[in-house]
C-alpha atoms as a PDB file:
ATOM      1  CA  MET A   1      59.890  48.925 115.018  1.00  0.00           C
ATOM      2  CA  SER A   2      63.160  50.901 115.228  1.00  0.00           C
ATOM      3  CA  GLY A   3      64.636  48.977 112.387  1.00  0.00           C
ATOM      4  CA  VAL A   4      61.963  50.108 109.926  1.00  0.00           C
ATOM      5  CA  SER A   5      62.898  53.166 107.782  1.00  0.00           C
ATOM      6  CA  ASP A   6      60.584  56.208 107.456  1.00  0.00           C
ATOM      7  CA  ASP A   7      60.052  55.422 103.767  1.00  0.00           C
ATOM      8  CA  GLU A   8      58.848  51.914 104.628  1.00  0.00           C
ATOM      9  CA  VAL A   9      56.483  53.262 107.287  1.00  0.00           C
ATOM     10  CA  ILE A  10      55.040  55.771 104.765  1.00  0.00           C
ATOM     11  CA  LYS A  11      54.755  53.079 102.063  1.00  0.00           C
ATOM     12  CA  ARG A  12      52.857  50.770 104.437  1.00  0.00           C
ATOM     13  CA  LYS A  13      50.607  53.577 105.603  1.00  0.00           C
ATOM     14  CA  LEU A  14      49.735  54.510 102.002  1.00  0.00           C
ATOM     15  CA  LEU A  15      49.175  50.808 101.147  1.00  0.00           C
ATOM     16  CA  ILE A  16      46.747  50.492 104.117  1.00  0.00           C
ATOM     17  CA  GLU A  17      44.963  53.819 103.409  1.00  0.00           C
ATOM     18  CA  GLY A  18      44.238  53.006  99.737  1.00  0.00           C
ATOM     19  CA  GLU A  19      43.368  55.562  97.134  1.00  0.00           C
ATOM     20  CA  SER A  20      40.098  56.742  98.626  1.00  0.00           C
ATOM     21  CA  GLY A  21      41.338  57.290 102.196  1.00  0.00           C
ATOM     22  CA  ASN A  22      38.330  55.327 103.527  1.00  0.00           C
ATOM     23  CA  ASP A  23      40.496  52.438 104.682  1.00  0.00           C
ATOM     24  CA  ASP A  24      42.127  54.567 107.424  1.00  0.00           C
ATOM     25  CA  ARG A  25      38.753  55.433 108.858  1.00  0.00           C
ATOM     26  CA  ARG A  26      37.667  51.840 108.504  1.00  0.00           C
ATOM     27  CA  ILE A  27      40.683  50.710 110.572  1.00  0.00           C
ATOM     28  CA  THR A  28      40.130  53.387 113.153  1.00  0.00           C
ATOM     29  CA  LEU A  29      36.389  52.304 113.499  1.00  0.00           C
ATOM     30  CA  LEU A  30      37.626  48.716 113.768  1.00  0.00           C
ATOM     31  CA  LEU A  31      39.892  49.504 116.648  1.00  0.00           C
ATOM     32  CA  LYS A  32      37.159  51.448 118.482  1.00  0.00           C
ATOM     33  CA  ASN A  33      34.753  48.560 118.006  1.00  0.00           C
ATOM     34  CA  TYR A  34      37.340  46.089 119.209  1.00  0.00           C
ATOM     35  CA  LEU A  35      38.184  48.040 122.311  1.00  0.00           C
ATOM     36  CA  ARG A  36      34.420  48.407 122.979  1.00  0.00           C
ATOM     37  CA  TRP A  37      33.982  44.631 122.558  1.00  0.00           C
ATOM     38  CA  ILE A  38      36.930  43.917 124.869  1.00  0.00           C
ATOM     39  CA  ALA A  39      35.484  46.169 127.544  1.00  0.00           C
ATOM     40  CA  SER A  40      32.028  44.709 127.230  1.00  0.00           C
ATOM     41  CA  ASP A  41      30.998  41.900 129.555  1.00  0.00           C
ATOM     42  CA  ASP A  42      28.160  40.745 127.228  1.00  0.00           C
ATOM     43  CA  THR A  43      28.707  37.108 126.423  1.00  0.00           C
ATOM     44  CA  GLY A  44      25.195  36.617 124.959  1.00  0.00           C
ATOM     45  CA  GLU A  45      23.937  36.835 121.415  1.00  0.00           C
ATOM     46  CA  SER A  46      24.599  40.594 121.085  1.00  0.00           C
ATOM     47  CA  GLY A  47      28.243  39.973 122.151  1.00  0.00           C
ATOM     48  CA  HIS A  48      28.508  37.202 119.508  1.00  0.00           C
ATOM     49  CA  GLU A  49      27.095  39.478 116.861  1.00  0.00           C
ATOM     50  CA  ALA A  50      29.640  42.133 117.778  1.00  0.00           C
ATOM     51  CA  TYR A  51      32.405  39.574 117.430  1.00  0.00           C
ATOM     52  CA  GLN A  52      31.137  38.502 113.997  1.00  0.00           C
ATOM     53  CA  ALA A  53      31.055  42.150 112.939  1.00  0.00           C
ATOM     54  CA  LEU A  54      34.598  42.658 114.055  1.00  0.00           C
ATOM     55  CA  VAL A  55      35.693  39.557 111.975  1.00  0.00           C
ATOM     56  CA  GLY A  56      33.872  40.961 108.975  1.00  0.00           C
ATOM     57  CA  SER A  57      35.616  44.274 109.415  1.00  0.00           C
ATOM     58  CA  VAL A  58      38.994  42.514 109.582  1.00  0.00           C
ATOM     59  CA  TYR A  59      38.208  40.675 106.367  1.00  0.00           C
ATOM     60  CA  GLN A  60      37.277  43.939 104.687  1.00  0.00           C
ATOM     61  CA  CYS A  61      40.536  45.548 105.748  1.00  0.00           C
ATOM     62  CA  GLU A  62      42.577  42.553 104.557  1.00  0.00           C
ATOM     63  CA  ASN A  63      40.742  42.653 101.191  1.00  0.00           C
ATOM     64  CA  ALA A  64      41.471  46.329 100.796  1.00  0.00           C
ATOM     65  CA  MET A  65      45.158  45.775 101.578  1.00  0.00           C
ATOM     66  CA  GLU A  66      45.392  42.998  98.977  1.00  0.00           C
ATOM     67  CA  GLN A  67      43.732  45.160  96.340  1.00  0.00           C
ATOM     68  CA  SER A  68      46.101  48.012  97.120  1.00  0.00           C
ATOM     69  CA  ASN A  69      49.082  45.626  96.969  1.00  0.00           C
ATOM     70  CA  LEU A  70      47.862  44.301  93.594  1.00  0.00           C
ATOM     71  CA  VAL A  71      47.515  47.849  92.237  1.00  0.00           C
ATOM     72  CA  LEU A  72      50.971  48.717  93.428  1.00  0.00           C
ATOM     73  CA  THR A  73      52.465  45.585  91.743  1.00  0.00           C
ATOM     74  CA  MET A  74      50.595  46.346  88.382  1.00  0.00           C
ATOM     75  CA  ASN A  75      51.898  49.979  88.528  1.00  0.00           C
ATOM     76  CA  GLU A  76      55.478  48.735  89.033  1.00  0.00           C
ATOM     77  CA  GLU A  77      55.130  46.322  86.146  1.00  0.00           C
ATOM     78  CA  GLN A  78      53.675  48.996  83.855  1.00  0.00           C
ATOM     79  CA  LEU A  79      56.510  51.369  84.773  1.00  0.00           C
ATOM     80  CA  GLU A  80      59.068  48.730  83.825  1.00  0.00           C
ATOM     81  CA  GLN A  81      57.243  48.133  80.527  1.00  0.00           C
ATOM     82  CA  TYR A  82      57.162  51.814  79.732  1.00  0.00           C
ATOM     83  CA  SER A  83      60.933  52.018  80.366  1.00  0.00           C
ATOM     84  CA  GLU A  84      61.539  49.183  77.993  1.00  0.00           C
ATOM     85  CA  LEU A  85      59.283  50.758  75.362  1.00  0.00           C
ATOM     86  CA  HIS A  86      61.047  54.062  75.722  1.00  0.00           C
ATOM     87  CA  LYS A  87      64.389  52.398  75.158  1.00  0.00           C
ATOM     88  CA  GLU A  88      63.035  50.613  72.041  1.00  0.00           C
ATOM     89  CA  ILE A  89      61.812  53.941  70.599  1.00  0.00           C
ATOM     90  CA  GLU A  90      65.188  55.586  71.213  1.00  0.00           C
ATOM     91  CA  GLU A  91      66.933  52.684  69.439  1.00  0.00           C
ATOM     92  CA  SER A  92      64.465  52.919  66.532  1.00  0.00           C
ATOM     93  CA  MET A  93      65.195  56.621  66.192  1.00  0.00           C
ATOM     94  CA  GLU A  94      68.924  56.041  66.111  1.00  0.00           C
ATOM     95  CA  ALA A  95      68.371  53.386  63.436  1.00  0.00           C
ATOM     96  CA  ALA A  96      66.204  55.831  61.551  1.00  0.00           C
ATOM     97  CA  LYS A  97      68.995  58.509  61.535  1.00  0.00           C
ATOM     98  CA  THR A  98      71.521  55.897  60.285  1.00  0.00           C
ATOM     99  CA  ARG A  99      69.213  54.829  57.415  1.00  0.00           C
ATOM    100  CA  ILE A 100      68.554  58.469  56.407  1.00  0.00           C
ATOM    101  CA  GLU A 101      72.314  59.120  56.163  1.00  0.00           C
ATOM    102  CA  GLN A 102      72.712  55.898  54.110  1.00  0.00           C
ATOM    103  CA  CYS A 103      69.902  56.972  51.728  1.00  0.00           C
ATOM    104  CA  LYS A 104      71.593  60.330  51.321  1.00  0.00           C
ATOM    105  CA  GLU A 105      74.845  58.574  50.366  1.00  0.00           C
ATOM    106  CA  ASP A 106      73.027  56.294  47.932  1.00  0.00           C
ATOM    107  CA  LEU A 107      71.321  59.283  46.303  1.00  0.00           C
ATOM    108  CA  LYS A 108      74.612  61.090  45.937  1.00  0.00           C
ATOM    109  CA  SER A 109      76.205  58.040  44.313  1.00  0.00           C
ATOM    110  CA  ALA A 110      73.240  57.618  41.996  1.00  0.00           C
ATOM    111  CA  LYS A 111      73.554  61.300  40.774  1.00  0.00           C
ATOM    112  CA  ILE A 112      77.220  60.718  39.992  1.00  0.00           C
ATOM    113  CA  VAL A 113      76.386  57.492  38.054  1.00  0.00           C
ATOM    114  CA  ARG A 114      73.751  59.278  36.083  1.00  0.00           C
ATOM    115  CA  LYS A 115      76.019  62.124  35.190  1.00  0.00           C
ATOM    116  CA  ASN A 116      78.721  59.667  34.018  1.00  0.00           C
ATOM    117  CA  ARG A 117      76.125  57.776  32.006  1.00  0.00           C
ATOM    118  CA  ARG A 118      75.094  60.936  30.044  1.00  0.00           C
ATOM    119  CA  GLU A 119      78.729  61.765  29.420  1.00  0.00           C
ATOM    120  CA  TYR A 120      79.521  58.237  28.093  1.00  0.00           C
ATOM    121  CA  ASP A 121      76.374  58.206  26.019  1.00  0.00           C
ATOM    122  CA  GLY A 122      77.530  61.302  24.280  1.00  0.00           C
ATOM    123  CA  LEU A 123      81.022  59.988  23.772  1.00  0.00           C
ATOM    124  CA  ALA A 124      79.616  56.692  22.408  1.00  0.00           C
ATOM    125  CA  ARG A 125      77.590  58.602  19.797  1.00  0.00           C
ATOM    126  CA  ILE A 126      80.627  60.625  18.747  1.00  0.00           C
ATOM    127  CA  ILE A 127      82.663  57.401  18.385  1.00  0.00           C
ATOM    128  CA  ALA A 128      79.899  55.720  16.436  1.00  0.00           C
ATOM    129  CA  GLU A 129      79.852  58.489  13.900  1.00  0.00           C
ATOM    130  CA  GLN A 130      83.617  58.209  13.166  1.00  0.00           C
ATOM    131  CA  PRO A 131      84.958  55.935  10.368  1.00  0.00           C
ATOM    132  CA  GLU A 132      85.245  52.308  11.336  1.00  0.00           C
ATOM    133  CA  ARG A 133      88.916  51.827  11.945  1.00  0.00           C
ATOM    134  CA  ASN A 134      90.426  48.978  13.801  1.00  0.00           C
ATOM    135  CA  GLU A 135      91.775  51.161  16.650  1.00  0.00           C
ATOM    136  CA  THR A 136      88.714  53.271  16.864  1.00  0.00           C
ATOM    137  CA  PHE A 137      86.478  50.173  16.903  1.00  0.00           C
ATOM    138  CA  ILE A 138      88.502  48.621  19.774  1.00  0.00           C
ATOM    139  CA  LYS A 139      88.104  51.872  21.810  1.00  0.00           C
ATOM    140  CA  TYR A 140      84.459  51.976  21.018  1.00  0.00           C
ATOM    141  CA  THR A 141      83.978  48.383  22.085  1.00  0.00           C
ATOM    142  CA  LYS A 142      85.752  49.006  25.354  1.00  0.00           C
ATOM    143  CA  LEU A 143      83.753  52.173  25.963  1.00  0.00           C
ATOM    144  CA  LYS A 144      80.550  50.301  25.067  1.00  0.00           C
ATOM    145  CA  ASN A 145      81.371  47.504  27.555  1.00  0.00           C
ATOM    146  CA  ARG A 146      82.124  50.091  30.190  1.00  0.00           C
ATOM    147  CA  LEU A 147      78.920  51.889  29.477  1.00  0.00           C
ATOM    148  CA  GLU A 148      76.953  48.673  29.903  1.00  0.00           C
ATOM    149  CA  LYS A 149      78.595  48.141  33.323  1.00  0.00           C
ATOM    150  CA  LEU A 150      77.758  51.654  34.239  1.00  0.00           C
ATOM    151  CA  LYS A 151      74.144  51.170  33.147  1.00  0.00           C
ATOM    152  CA  LYS A 152      73.836  47.981  35.315  1.00  0.00           C
ATOM    153  CA  LEU A 153      75.445  49.781  38.217  1.00  0.00           C
ATOM    154  CA  ASN A 154      72.979  52.686  37.823  1.00  0.00           C
ATOM    155  CA  GLU A 155      70.110  50.283  37.714  1.00  0.00           C
ATOM    156  CA  GLU A 156      71.298  48.603  40.912  1.00  0.00           C
ATOM    157  CA  TYR A 157      71.569  52.041  42.657  1.00  0.00           C
ATOM    158  CA  ASP A 158      68.087  52.896  41.526  1.00  0.00           C
ATOM    159  CA  ARG A 159      66.749  49.592  42.869  1.00  0.00           C
ATOM    160  CA  LYS A 160      68.476  50.294  46.213  1.00  0.00           C
ATOM    161  CA  ILE A 161      67.073  53.785  46.465  1.00  0.00           C
ATOM    162  CA  VAL A 162      63.536  52.639  45.830  1.00  0.00           C
ATOM    163  CA  LEU A 163      63.986  49.887  48.420  1.00  0.00           C
ATOM    164  CA  ARG A 164      65.425  52.337  50.986  1.00  0.00           C
ATOM    165  CA  LYS A 165      62.460  54.698  50.349  1.00  0.00           C
ATOM    166  CA  LYS A 166      60.011  51.958  51.007  1.00  0.00           C
ATOM    167  CA  GLN A 167      61.895  50.847  54.141  1.00  0.00           C
ATOM    168  CA  PHE A 168      62.048  54.436  55.409  1.00  0.00           C
ATOM    169  CA  HIS A 169      58.284  55.046  54.878  1.00  0.00           C
ATOM    170  CA  LEU A 170      57.539  51.705  56.654  1.00  0.00           C
ATOM    171  CA  PHE A 171      59.718  52.678  59.548  1.00  0.00           C
ATOM    172  CA  LEU A 172      58.069  56.026  59.910  1.00  0.00           C
ATOM    173  CA  PHE A 173      54.666  54.400  59.982  1.00  0.00           C
ATOM    174  CA  ALA A 174      55.831  52.019  62.729  1.00  0.00           C
ATOM    175  CA  LEU A 175      57.537  54.846  64.644  1.00  0.00           C
ATOM    176  CA  LYS A 176      54.290  56.917  64.553  1.00  0.00           C
ATOM    177  CA  GLY A 177      52.448  53.840  65.928  1.00  0.00           C
ATOM    178  CA  LEU A 178      54.916  53.457  68.773  1.00  0.00           C
ATOM    179  CA  GLN A 179      54.673  57.132  69.566  1.00  0.00           C
ATOM    180  CA  LYS A 180      50.865  56.957  69.708  1.00  0.00           C
ATOM    181  CA  ILE A 181      51.122  54.013  72.147  1.00  0.00           C
ATOM    182  CA  VAL A 182      53.387  55.993  74.415  1.00  0.00           C
ATOM    183  CA  ASP A 183      51.085  58.998  74.271  1.00  0.00           C
ATOM    184  CA  ASP A 184      48.065  56.793  75.131  1.00  0.00           C
ATOM    185  CA  ASP A 185      49.895  55.039  77.956  1.00  0.00           C
ATOM    186  CA  GLU A 186      51.110  58.378  79.461  1.00  0.00           C
ATOM    187  CA  SER A 187      47.446  59.545  79.937  1.00  0.00           C
ATOM    188  CA  PRO A 188      45.888  58.893  83.346  1.00  0.00           C
ATOM    189  CA  SER A 189      44.258  55.447  83.693  1.00  0.00           C
ATOM    190  CA  GLU A 190      41.834  53.822  86.216  1.00  0.00           C
ATOM    191  CA  PRO A 191      43.655  51.920  89.071  1.00  0.00           C
ATOM    192  CA  GLY A 192      41.976  48.638  88.238  1.00  0.00           C
ATOM    193  CA  SER A 193      42.480  48.816  84.570  1.00  0.00           C
ATOM    194  CA  SER A 194      43.881  45.668  82.918  1.00  0.00           C
ATOM    195  CA  PRO A 195      47.520  45.800  81.707  1.00  0.00           C
ATOM    196  CA  ALA A 196      46.443  44.014  78.462  1.00  0.00           C
ATOM    197  CA  VAL A 197      47.034  47.270  76.479  1.00  0.00           C
ATOM    198  CA  ALA A 198      50.634  47.486  77.749  1.00  0.00           C
ATOM    199  CA  SER A 199      51.289  43.889  76.843  1.00  0.00           C
ATOM    200  CA  GLN A 200      49.918  44.448  73.319  1.00  0.00           C
ATOM    201  CA  SER A 201      52.130  47.471  72.853  1.00  0.00           C
ATOM    202  CA  GLU A 202      55.132  45.330  73.323  1.00  0.00           C
ATOM    203  CA  GLN A 203      54.476  43.180  70.297  1.00  0.00           C
ATOM    204  CA  PRO A 204      57.357  43.940  67.819  1.00  0.00           C
ATOM    205  CA  VAL A 205      56.607  45.534  64.445  1.00  0.00           C
ATOM    206  CA  LYS A 206      57.868  43.362  61.585  1.00  0.00           C
ATOM    207  CA  MET A 207      59.872  45.262  58.987  1.00  0.00           C
ATOM    208  CA  ASP A 208      61.388  43.719  55.789  1.00  0.00           C
ATOM    209  CA  VAL A 209      64.914  44.800  55.098  1.00  0.00           C
ATOM    210  CA  GLY A 210      66.936  44.226  52.004  1.00  0.00           C
END
């Protein structure tokens, strides 16, 4: 017994006592009945009945210990699942920050493209109003081609911005769902409750990315 640590002794005592504290009294009563049965010289029917009662009490204590051990195992598994879920939420939040910064950069680039498009539209109108000379026409053609490229680039930026907004809203929705799961799991639960809810919360949320 000297090789067993204090923590192990306390853990075993708590495991035997159970949550209600009745198991400790049950074991004490079992010991008293056992000592009384040992000290008794009755070998008749009453002695046999006392023996059967002792066996039944032993089975009850073993069953209570198995139930406590099962609850302890389930709590350890749930704690591990909560740790993994917390890690996933932190990673999702970091990914959200990165996407927000990317959306800001895309928006800034789109504003620059729109500004350039307005300037080139004005320049193209001025050139179109000038007499059609060969040199002017060549410059106009080049500017027109460049303007078309800028328009296509602006359309691409617009498409990306719309896509990023949809992805960001979808991510916020999934993040709120994960946060609600954590809040629900952190609330006190019954010892014998099924871990089905925790297993369902681990199912990944599908998100389309472009």
